[in-house]
Amino acid sequence: MEIEIERNLVMPGDVVPCPTGSMPGYGTYQNEVGEIVSNVMGYPAMYNRLVCVNSLRGCYIGETGNVVIGRISQVGNKRWKVDIGASQEAALQLSSIDLPTGEHRIRSEEDQLHMREYFNHNDLLSAEVQSKSQEGKAINLQTRSSKFGKLKNGMLVVVSPNLVARMRQHFCQLNNEVDIIFGRNGWIWVYYNNTNELEVPLIRRQQIVRISCLLKLMNKALVMISPEKIQQVFERTSDIELEDLLAESTLERIKDIDAVE
């Protein structure tokens, strides 16, 4: 089980603060005086007594129970392959999804024939990591909940997985009525959740684009991403026109906001 320690970005050569008796894991080594030192840029974490540094540029590793966002890359026999930004594609079994009718039964040959109606190539979806292989590479997903499934009415933003803050609820709504799904794999879905309207109103589309741009800038500035931080950055950059949002001056302002915090 992963235990996060001091959530400060460390650089190669930095000493990682950790409890006495800790041992070096991936991304770290022990120097001649017994200190555990980082050899990558990233955020430290502990696995029992093992101290590791999750590289900002590494692939998503996966952990059972994680909420993730992925893209269907292949429709196969009784399963879909899903790109979630890991070293290998994840698998979503036909038996691991909710049927449109809500029935709980063994999947039939007819269900297999309708697989492309459930999820087709290039569809985006939210899911949960159901299990991992012992080697940690093969990841199995499940969408057996009403909160998971195909995504629409939004924009996908990909950031470093280690910048997505751990939170109890990964499905959030900001004060401006735009919804966000925070995938632990660094894939974030910004969308408008209102099925009563045929199309997304212009003002909501503009807010979705604005938040998506801010997420890209926060990723570039190496700012931890959470609902509270996004709301803060959103409010403090509200005076900037949408077409000017990706300017270097906005990036510097976001860095200043984070430095003050």
Protein backbone atom coordinates (compact mmCIF):
# COMPACT_ATOMS: atom_id res chain seq x y z
CA MET A 1 0.00 0.00 0.00
CA GLU A 2 1.31 3.45 -0.91
CA ILE A 3 1.80 5.93 1.92
CA GLU A 4 2.53 9.48 0.85
CA ILE A 5 5.21 11.31 2.78
CA GLU A 6 6.18 14.97 2.51
CA ARG A 7 4.46 16.13 -0.70
CA ASN A 8 7.29 18.37 -1.91
CA LEU A 9 8.77 18.08 -5.36
CA VAL A 10 12.30 16.63 -5.18
CA MET A 11 15.06 16.93 -7.75
CA PRO A 12 17.94 14.54 -8.52
CA GLY A 13 20.41 14.79 -5.62
CA ASP A 14 17.83 15.98 -3.06
CA VAL A 15 17.64 14.12 0.25
CA VAL A 16 14.18 12.58 0.69
CA PRO A 17 12.80 13.20 4.22
CA CYS A 18 11.59 9.86 5.61
CA PRO A 19 11.34 7.92 8.89
CA THR A 20 14.39 6.25 10.43
CA GLY A 21 14.85 2.71 9.18
CA SER A 22 13.46 3.37 5.71
CA MET A 23 15.00 1.64 2.70
CA PRO A 24 15.63 3.04 -0.81
CA GLY A 25 13.28 1.95 -3.60
CA TYR A 26 12.90 2.94 -7.25
CA GLY A 27 13.88 6.51 -8.02
CA THR A 28 16.19 6.67 -4.98
CA TYR A 29 19.53 5.46 -3.63
CA GLN A 30 21.33 5.55 -0.28
CA ASN A 31 24.44 7.74 -0.02
CA GLU A 32 27.58 7.11 2.01
CA VAL A 33 26.12 8.67 5.19
CA GLY A 34 22.93 6.62 5.05
CA GLU A 35 20.60 9.30 3.62
CA ILE A 36 18.05 8.34 0.98
CA VAL A 37 18.55 10.52 -2.09
CA SER A 38 16.38 11.02 -5.16
CA ASN A 39 17.83 10.32 -8.60
CA VAL A 40 14.76 11.57 -10.53
CA MET A 41 12.48 14.60 -10.47
CA GLY A 42 9.17 13.70 -8.81
CA TYR A 43 7.18 13.24 -5.64
CA PRO A 44 8.21 10.85 -2.83
CA ALA A 45 6.00 8.07 -1.48
CA MET A 46 6.45 5.10 0.85
CA TYR A 47 5.49 1.45 0.33
CA ASN A 48 5.77 -0.06 3.83
CA ARG A 49 9.41 0.82 4.65
CA LEU A 50 10.42 1.34 1.03
CA VAL A 51 10.98 4.98 -0.03
CA CYS A 52 10.34 5.69 -3.71
CA VAL A 53 10.12 8.75 -5.93
CA ASN A 54 7.40 8.73 -8.58
CA SER A 55 8.91 10.38 -11.62
CA LEU A 56 6.91 13.21 -13.16
CA ARG A 57 7.65 11.82 -16.60
CA GLY A 58 6.91 8.18 -15.87
CA CYS A 59 4.01 6.05 -17.09
CA TYR A 60 0.98 5.42 -14.95
CA ILE A 61 1.62 2.35 -12.77
CA GLY A 62 -1.91 1.61 -11.57
CA GLU A 63 -3.35 0.68 -8.18
CA THR A 64 -6.49 -1.30 -7.38
CA GLY A 65 -9.40 1.04 -6.69
CA ASN A 66 -8.00 3.94 -8.73
CA VAL A 67 -10.44 5.96 -10.81
CA VAL A 68 -9.02 6.29 -14.32
CA ILE A 69 -10.02 7.67 -17.70
CA GLY A 70 -9.14 5.78 -20.85
CA ARG A 71 -9.70 5.47 -24.57
CA ILE A 72 -10.92 2.28 -26.26
CA SER A 73 -8.10 1.12 -28.55
CA GLN A 74 -9.46 -2.26 -29.61
CA VAL A 75 -12.71 -4.22 -29.49
CA GLY A 76 -11.86 -7.90 -29.06
CA ASN A 77 -13.42 -11.19 -28.05
CA LYS A 78 -15.42 -10.56 -24.84
CA ARG A 79 -13.20 -7.61 -23.91
CA TRP A 80 -12.00 -4.18 -24.88
CA LYS A 81 -8.41 -2.95 -24.76
CA VAL A 82 -8.13 0.48 -23.18
CA ASP A 83 -5.30 3.01 -23.38
CA ILE A 84 -4.88 4.56 -19.91
CA GLY A 85 -1.36 5.92 -20.34
CA ALA A 86 0.29 2.89 -18.70
CA SER A 87 3.16 0.83 -20.12
CA GLN A 88 0.58 -1.66 -21.43
CA GLU A 89 -3.05 -1.29 -22.43
CA ALA A 90 -5.61 -2.19 -19.78
CA ALA A 91 -8.40 -4.75 -20.31
CA LEU A 92 -12.12 -4.23 -19.78
CA GLN A 93 -13.98 -7.53 -19.80
CA LEU A 94 -17.55 -7.75 -21.10
CA SER A 95 -18.46 -9.27 -17.73
CA SER A 96 -17.09 -6.17 -15.96
CA ILE A 97 -19.57 -3.65 -17.37
CA ASP A 98 -23.17 -2.80 -16.56
CA LEU A 99 -25.60 -3.78 -19.30
CA PRO A 100 -27.85 -0.93 -20.59
CA THR A 101 -30.90 -2.79 -19.26
CA GLY A 102 -29.39 -2.99 -15.78
CA GLU A 103 -29.70 -6.78 -15.70
CA HIS A 104 -27.30 -8.86 -13.62
CA ARG A 105 -26.70 -12.03 -15.61
CA ILE A 106 -24.07 -14.03 -17.43
CA ARG A 107 -23.14 -12.39 -20.73
CA SER A 108 -24.43 -14.17 -23.82
CA GLU A 109 -23.30 -14.45 -27.44
CA GLU A 110 -25.83 -11.76 -28.27
CA ASP A 111 -24.10 -9.42 -25.84
CA GLN A 112 -20.83 -10.08 -27.66
CA LEU A 113 -22.46 -9.06 -30.94
CA HIS A 114 -23.49 -5.74 -29.38
CA MET A 115 -20.11 -4.89 -27.85
CA ARG A 116 -19.51 -1.98 -30.25
CA GLU A 117 -22.80 -0.46 -29.12
CA TYR A 118 -21.57 -0.42 -25.53
CA PHE A 119 -18.04 0.87 -26.23
CA ASN A 120 -16.55 1.38 -29.67
CA HIS A 121 -13.05 2.15 -30.93
CA ASN A 122 -11.82 5.60 -29.78
CA ASP A 123 -14.60 6.07 -27.19
CA LEU A 124 -13.51 7.74 -23.95
CA LEU A 125 -14.69 6.25 -20.68
CA SER A 126 -14.25 6.49 -16.94
CA ALA A 127 -13.56 3.28 -15.03
CA GLU A 128 -12.03 1.80 -11.90
CA VAL A 129 -8.95 -0.39 -11.65
CA GLN A 130 -10.38 -3.74 -10.61
CA SER A 131 -7.15 -5.71 -10.32
CA LYS A 132 -3.50 -5.90 -11.35
CA SER A 133 -1.25 -8.83 -12.16
CA GLN A 134 1.45 -9.77 -9.65
CA GLU A 135 4.03 -8.26 -11.99
CA GLY A 136 2.04 -4.99 -11.86
CA LYS A 137 1.76 -4.63 -15.63
CA ALA A 138 -1.61 -6.14 -16.66
CA ILE A 139 -4.44 -3.91 -15.43
CA ASN A 140 -8.10 -4.94 -15.45
CA LEU A 141 -10.88 -2.33 -15.34
CA GLN A 142 -14.54 -2.35 -14.40
CA THR A 143 -17.44 0.06 -15.02
CA ARG A 144 -20.09 -1.64 -12.87
CA SER A 145 -21.43 1.59 -11.41
CA SER A 146 -23.65 4.38 -12.71
CA LYS A 147 -20.85 6.90 -12.18
CA PHE A 148 -18.60 5.10 -14.67
CA GLY A 149 -19.08 4.74 -18.41
CA LYS A 150 -18.82 6.54 -21.74
CA LEU A 151 -17.84 10.22 -21.62
CA LYS A 152 -19.38 13.08 -23.60
CA ASN A 153 -19.94 16.86 -23.55
CA GLY A 154 -16.40 17.67 -22.49
CA MET A 155 -12.66 17.94 -23.11
CA LEU A 156 -9.81 15.61 -22.17
CA VAL A 157 -6.65 17.05 -20.59
CA VAL A 158 -3.61 14.85 -19.95
CA VAL A 159 -1.27 15.86 -17.11
CA SER A 160 1.42 14.13 -15.08
CA PRO A 161 -0.22 11.44 -12.87
CA ASN A 162 1.85 12.58 -9.91
CA LEU A 163 0.36 16.06 -10.04
CA VAL A 164 -3.18 14.76 -9.47
CA ALA A 165 -3.77 15.12 -5.74
CA ARG A 166 -5.21 12.19 -3.85
CA MET A 167 -8.81 12.89 -2.90
CA ARG A 168 -11.74 10.97 -1.51
CA GLN A 169 -14.04 12.01 -4.35
CA HIS A 170 -12.69 12.04 -7.90
CA PHE A 171 -15.99 13.23 -9.40
CA CYS A 172 -16.31 16.93 -8.56
CA GLN A 173 -18.24 20.01 -9.58
CA LEU A 174 -16.66 23.45 -9.41
CA ASN A 175 -18.62 26.49 -8.30
CA ASN A 176 -19.10 27.53 -11.90
CA GLU A 177 -21.17 24.37 -12.55
CA VAL A 178 -18.52 22.65 -14.66
CA ASP A 179 -17.85 19.02 -13.69
CA ILE A 180 -14.46 17.31 -13.55
CA ILE A 181 -13.39 13.68 -13.30
CA PHE A 182 -9.87 13.39 -11.92
CA GLY A 183 -8.29 10.20 -13.28
CA ARG A 184 -5.41 8.97 -11.14
CA ASN A 185 -3.65 8.14 -14.41
CA GLY A 186 -3.35 11.89 -15.14
CA TRP A 187 -6.25 11.95 -17.62
CA ILE A 188 -8.76 14.60 -16.55
CA TRP A 189 -12.23 15.01 -18.09
CA VAL A 190 -13.78 18.50 -17.95
CA TYR A 191 -17.44 18.45 -18.94
CA TYR A 192 -20.99 19.73 -18.50
CA ASN A 193 -23.25 17.21 -16.76
CA ASN A 194 -26.79 18.08 -17.76
CA THR A 195 -28.71 15.50 -19.75
CA ASN A 196 -31.83 17.70 -19.91
CA GLU A 197 -30.29 19.98 -22.54
CA LEU A 198 -29.70 18.89 -26.13
CA GLU A 199 -26.43 20.81 -26.42
CA VAL A 200 -23.95 22.44 -24.06
CA PRO A 201 -24.69 26.19 -23.64
CA LEU A 202 -22.04 28.55 -24.99
CA ILE A 203 -21.09 29.91 -21.55
CA ARG A 204 -20.46 26.37 -20.27
CA ARG A 205 -18.38 25.51 -23.35
CA GLN A 206 -16.25 28.59 -22.71
CA GLN A 207 -15.78 27.56 -19.06
CA ILE A 208 -14.80 24.04 -20.12
CA VAL A 209 -12.18 25.44 -22.50
CA ARG A 210 -10.92 27.90 -19.86
CA ILE A 211 -10.49 25.20 -17.20
CA SER A 212 -8.84 22.87 -19.71
CA CYS A 213 -6.31 25.60 -20.58
CA LEU A 214 -5.65 26.26 -16.88
CA LEU A 215 -5.03 22.55 -16.27
CA LYS A 216 -2.44 22.51 -19.08
CA LEU A 217 -0.73 25.53 -17.52
CA MET A 218 -0.81 24.01 -14.02
CA ASN A 219 0.80 20.87 -15.43
CA LYS A 220 3.49 22.96 -17.11
CA ALA A 221 4.08 24.90 -13.89
CA LEU A 222 4.25 21.62 -11.86
CA VAL A 223 1.39 22.76 -9.62
CA MET A 224 -0.53 20.10 -7.68
CA ILE A 225 -3.99 19.67 -9.20
CA SER A 226 -7.06 19.50 -6.95
CA PRO A 227 -10.59 20.99 -7.05
CA GLU A 228 -9.61 23.69 -4.56
CA LYS A 229 -6.48 24.68 -6.46
CA ILE A 230 -8.30 24.77 -9.81
CA GLN A 231 -11.04 26.98 -8.33
CA GLN A 232 -8.40 29.31 -6.89
CA VAL A 233 -6.50 29.57 -10.18
CA PHE A 234 -9.79 30.01 -12.08
CA GLU A 235 -10.84 32.95 -9.89
CA ARG A 236 -7.44 34.67 -9.95
CA THR A 237 -7.16 34.49 -13.73
CA SER A 238 -10.76 35.48 -14.48
CA ASP A 239 -9.63 38.88 -15.79
CA ILE A 240 -7.65 37.26 -18.63
CA GLU A 241 -9.45 36.86 -21.94
CA LEU A 242 -9.88 33.29 -23.13
CA GLU A 243 -7.78 33.83 -26.27
CA ASP A 244 -4.88 35.14 -24.13
CA LEU A 245 -5.05 32.43 -21.47
CA LEU A 246 -2.17 30.29 -22.74
CA ALA A 247 0.25 33.22 -22.78
CA GLU A 248 3.52 33.00 -20.82
CA SER A 249 2.31 35.77 -18.48
CA THR A 250 -0.56 33.53 -17.30
CA LEU A 251 1.89 30.71 -16.59
CA GLU A 252 3.99 33.06 -14.45
CA ARG A 253 0.89 34.20 -12.58
CA ILE A 254 -0.03 30.59 -11.78
CA LYS A 255 3.51 29.96 -10.49
CA ASP A 256 3.20 33.07 -8.29
CA ILE A 257 -0.16 31.88 -6.90
CA ASP A 258 1.36 28.53 -5.99
CA ALA A 259 4.45 30.16 -4.45
CA VAL A 260 2.27 32.29 -2.17
CA GLU A 261 0.40 29.20 -1.01
